[in-house]
Amino acid sequence: MDTEEIKEYVKQLDEEVDHIKDNALSLTWVMRGGVQYGDVLNMSSSERKSIAKLSKDNIETTKSSGLPYF
């Protein structure tokens, strides 16, 4: 790899880290204290995806049922 390729690779990794942090903060907020930020960061990618899907499904169920979302 030349210098430019390394710079591009590091940039991609930084963007991935930012995405993981955003996702972790979002999941922490949605879980309302049910999981800590550090715990989410320590989860595998598949665990974070599963929790995100579960949260999304629950929000959709809440919307379609007309129940209040807390």
Protein backbone atom coordinates (compact mmCIF):
# COMPACT_ATOMS: atom_id res chain seq x y z
CA MET A 1 0.00 0.00 0.00
CA ASP A 2 1.19 3.45 -0.77
CA THR A 3 0.67 6.46 1.48
CA GLU A 4 -2.58 7.54 -0.16
CA GLU A 5 -4.10 4.07 0.15
CA ILE A 6 -3.17 3.98 3.82
CA LYS A 7 -4.72 7.41 4.37
CA GLU A 8 -7.93 6.27 2.65
CA TYR A 9 -8.02 3.08 4.70
CA VAL A 10 -7.56 5.01 7.96
CA LYS A 11 -10.33 7.39 6.89
CA GLN A 12 -12.67 4.43 6.29
CA LEU A 13 -11.81 2.99 9.70
CA ASP A 14 -12.50 6.36 11.36
CA GLU A 15 -15.90 6.49 9.66
CA GLU A 16 -16.65 2.96 10.84
CA VAL A 17 -15.71 3.88 14.42
CA ASP A 18 -18.01 6.92 14.24
CA HIS A 19 -20.84 4.72 12.98
CA ILE A 20 -20.31 2.22 15.81
CA LYS A 21 -20.32 5.02 18.40
CA ASP A 22 -23.49 6.57 16.94
CA ASN A 23 -25.17 3.17 16.91
CA ALA A 24 -24.09 2.46 20.51
CA LEU A 25 -25.41 5.81 21.73
CA SER A 26 -28.68 5.27 19.90
CA LEU A 27 -29.15 1.79 21.36
CA THR A 28 -28.29 3.06 24.83
CA TRP A 29 -30.95 5.77 24.53
CA VAL A 30 -33.60 3.41 23.12
CA MET A 31 -32.96 0.86 25.87
CA ARG A 32 -33.56 3.59 28.48
CA GLY A 33 -30.96 2.39 30.94
CA GLY A 34 -31.44 -1.30 30.14
CA VAL A 35 -27.92 -1.38 28.76
CA GLN A 36 -24.91 0.83 29.35
CA TYR A 37 -22.95 2.53 26.57
CA GLY A 38 -19.78 0.58 27.41
CA ASP A 39 -21.70 -2.68 27.32
CA VAL A 40 -23.01 -1.91 23.85
CA LEU A 41 -19.48 -1.07 22.65
CA ASN A 42 -18.31 -4.44 23.94
CA MET A 43 -20.99 -6.31 22.00
CA SER A 44 -20.26 -7.96 18.70
CA SER A 45 -21.57 -6.43 15.50
CA SER A 46 -24.22 -9.14 15.21
CA GLU A 47 -25.41 -8.52 18.79
CA ARG A 48 -25.76 -4.78 18.09
CA LYS A 49 -27.65 -5.52 14.88
CA SER A 50 -30.01 -7.90 16.71
CA ILE A 51 -30.78 -5.35 19.42
CA ALA A 52 -31.29 -2.61 16.82
CA LYS A 53 -33.72 -4.84 14.90
CA LEU A 54 -35.58 -5.74 18.09
CA SER A 55 -35.84 -2.07 19.04
CA LYS A 56 -37.07 -1.11 15.57
CA ASP A 57 -39.64 -3.91 15.60
CA ASN A 58 -40.90 -2.88 19.04
CA ILE A 59 -41.23 0.76 17.98
CA GLU A 60 -43.19 -0.29 14.89
CA THR A 61 -45.45 -2.50 17.03
CA THR A 62 -46.02 0.41 19.41
CA LYS A 63 -46.91 2.73 16.52
CA SER A 64 -49.30 0.26 14.90
CA SER A 65 -51.01 -0.58 18.20
CA GLY A 66 -51.55 3.06 19.13
CA LEU A 67 -49.94 2.58 22.52
CA PRO A 68 -47.82 5.43 23.87
CA TYR A 69 -44.06 5.14 23.39
CA PHE A 70 -42.09 5.95 26.51
